């Protein structure tokens, strides 16, 4: 686990999982109230991004 807390975690692209942080991780990292209530697994986020990319027009 990182020693970073709050916005330090959110500003570090190497450790920021966005809404994939579990409720326990949010508490431990001081993220409570800084993220939406929703917890979505990383796999779901990847699927959403891939679907969005597929819908984009290609040149």
C-alpha atoms as a PDB file:
ATOM      1  CA  UNK A   1       0.000   0.000   0.000  1.00  0.00           C
ATOM      2  CA  UNK A   2       1.207   3.490  -0.770  1.00  0.00           C
ATOM      3  CA  UNK A   3       1.967   6.167   1.797  1.00  0.00           C
ATOM      4  CA  UNK A   4       0.183   8.729  -0.364  1.00  0.00           C
ATOM      5  CA  UNK A   5      -3.220   9.985   0.738  1.00  0.00           C
ATOM      6  CA  UNK A   6      -6.157  11.991  -0.593  1.00  0.00           C
ATOM      7  CA  UNK A   7      -5.417  14.046  -3.695  1.00  0.00           C
ATOM      8  CA  UNK A   8      -1.866  12.664  -3.904  1.00  0.00           C
ATOM      9  CA  UNK A   9      -3.410   9.298  -4.802  1.00  0.00           C
ATOM     10  CA  UNK A  10      -5.845  10.803  -7.293  1.00  0.00           C
ATOM     11  CA  UNK A  11      -3.089  12.815  -8.994  1.00  0.00           C
ATOM     12  CA  UNK A  12      -0.778   9.799  -9.396  1.00  0.00           C
ATOM     13  CA  UNK A  13      -1.687   8.003 -12.611  1.00  0.00           C
ATOM     14  CA  UNK A  14       0.307   4.940 -11.583  1.00  0.00           C
ATOM     15  CA  UNK A  15      -1.938   4.199  -8.581  1.00  0.00           C
ATOM     16  CA  UNK A  16      -5.218   5.996  -9.309  1.00  0.00           C
ATOM     17  CA  UNK A  17      -7.926   3.416 -10.044  1.00  0.00           C
ATOM     18  CA  UNK A  18     -10.716   6.005 -10.203  1.00  0.00           C
ATOM     19  CA  UNK A  19     -14.015   4.373  -9.198  1.00  0.00           C
ATOM     20  CA  UNK A  20     -12.372   0.919  -8.976  1.00  0.00           C
ATOM     21  CA  UNK A  21     -11.114   1.622  -5.442  1.00  0.00           C
ATOM     22  CA  UNK A  22     -12.992  -0.579  -2.996  1.00  0.00           C
ATOM     23  CA  UNK A  23     -14.767   1.033  -0.066  1.00  0.00           C
ATOM     24  CA  UNK A  24     -12.016  -0.293   2.217  1.00  0.00           C
ATOM     25  CA  UNK A  25      -9.277   1.194   0.006  1.00  0.00           C
ATOM     26  CA  UNK A  26     -11.114   4.526  -0.079  1.00  0.00           C
ATOM     27  CA  UNK A  27     -11.138   4.647   3.718  1.00  0.00           C
ATOM     28  CA  UNK A  28      -7.482   3.610   4.044  1.00  0.00           C
ATOM     29  CA  UNK A  29      -6.306   6.136   1.439  1.00  0.00           C
ATOM     30  CA  UNK A  30      -8.466   9.024   2.638  1.00  0.00           C
ATOM     31  CA  UNK A  31     -10.553   9.097  -0.522  1.00  0.00           C
ATOM     32  CA  UNK A  32     -13.963   9.092   1.127  1.00  0.00           C
ATOM     33  CA  UNK A  33     -15.981  11.934  -0.347  1.00  0.00           C
ATOM     34  CA  UNK A  34     -13.462  12.545  -3.134  1.00  0.00           C
ATOM     35  CA  UNK A  35     -14.889   9.944  -5.506  1.00  0.00           C
ATOM     36  CA  UNK A  36     -18.416   9.092  -6.611  1.00  0.00           C
ATOM     37  CA  UNK A  37     -20.179   6.603  -4.340  1.00  0.00           C
ATOM     38  CA  UNK A  38     -20.215   4.025  -7.154  1.00  0.00           C
ATOM     39  CA  UNK A  39     -17.551   1.320  -7.102  1.00  0.00           C
ATOM     40  CA  UNK A  40     -16.919  -0.152 -10.572  1.00  0.00           C
ATOM     41  CA  UNK A  41     -14.330  -2.855 -11.234  1.00  0.00           C
ATOM     42  CA  UNK A  42     -11.422  -1.975 -13.514  1.00  0.00           C
ATOM     43  CA  UNK A  43     -12.624  -4.583 -16.014  1.00  0.00           C
ATOM     44  CA  UNK A  44     -15.897  -2.687 -16.415  1.00  0.00           C
ATOM     45  CA  UNK A  45     -14.022   0.581 -16.929  1.00  0.00           C
ATOM     46  CA  UNK A  46     -11.877  -1.044 -19.634  1.00  0.00           C
ATOM     47  CA  UNK A  47     -14.997  -2.356 -21.410  1.00  0.00           C
ATOM     48  CA  UNK A  48     -16.573   1.108 -21.329  1.00  0.00           C
ATOM     49  CA  UNK A  49     -13.470   2.751 -22.776  1.00  0.00           C
ATOM     50  CA  UNK A  50     -13.103   0.102 -25.485  1.00  0.00           C
ATOM     51  CA  UNK A  51     -16.765   0.505 -26.474  1.00  0.00           C
ATOM     52  CA  UNK A  52     -16.338   4.279 -26.648  1.00  0.00           C
ATOM     53  CA  UNK A  53     -13.236   3.900 -28.824  1.00  0.00           C
ATOM     54  CA  UNK A  54     -15.035   1.527 -31.185  1.00  0.00           C
ATOM     55  CA  UNK A  55     -17.857   4.053 -31.628  1.00  0.00           C
ATOM     56  CA  UNK A  56     -15.440   6.813 -32.654  1.00  0.00           C
ATOM     57  CA  UNK A  57     -15.116   7.541 -36.346  1.00  0.00           C
ATOM     58  CA  UNK A  58     -11.799   6.458 -37.803  1.00  0.00           C
ATOM     59  CA  UNK A  59      -9.882   8.435 -40.404  1.00  0.00           C
END
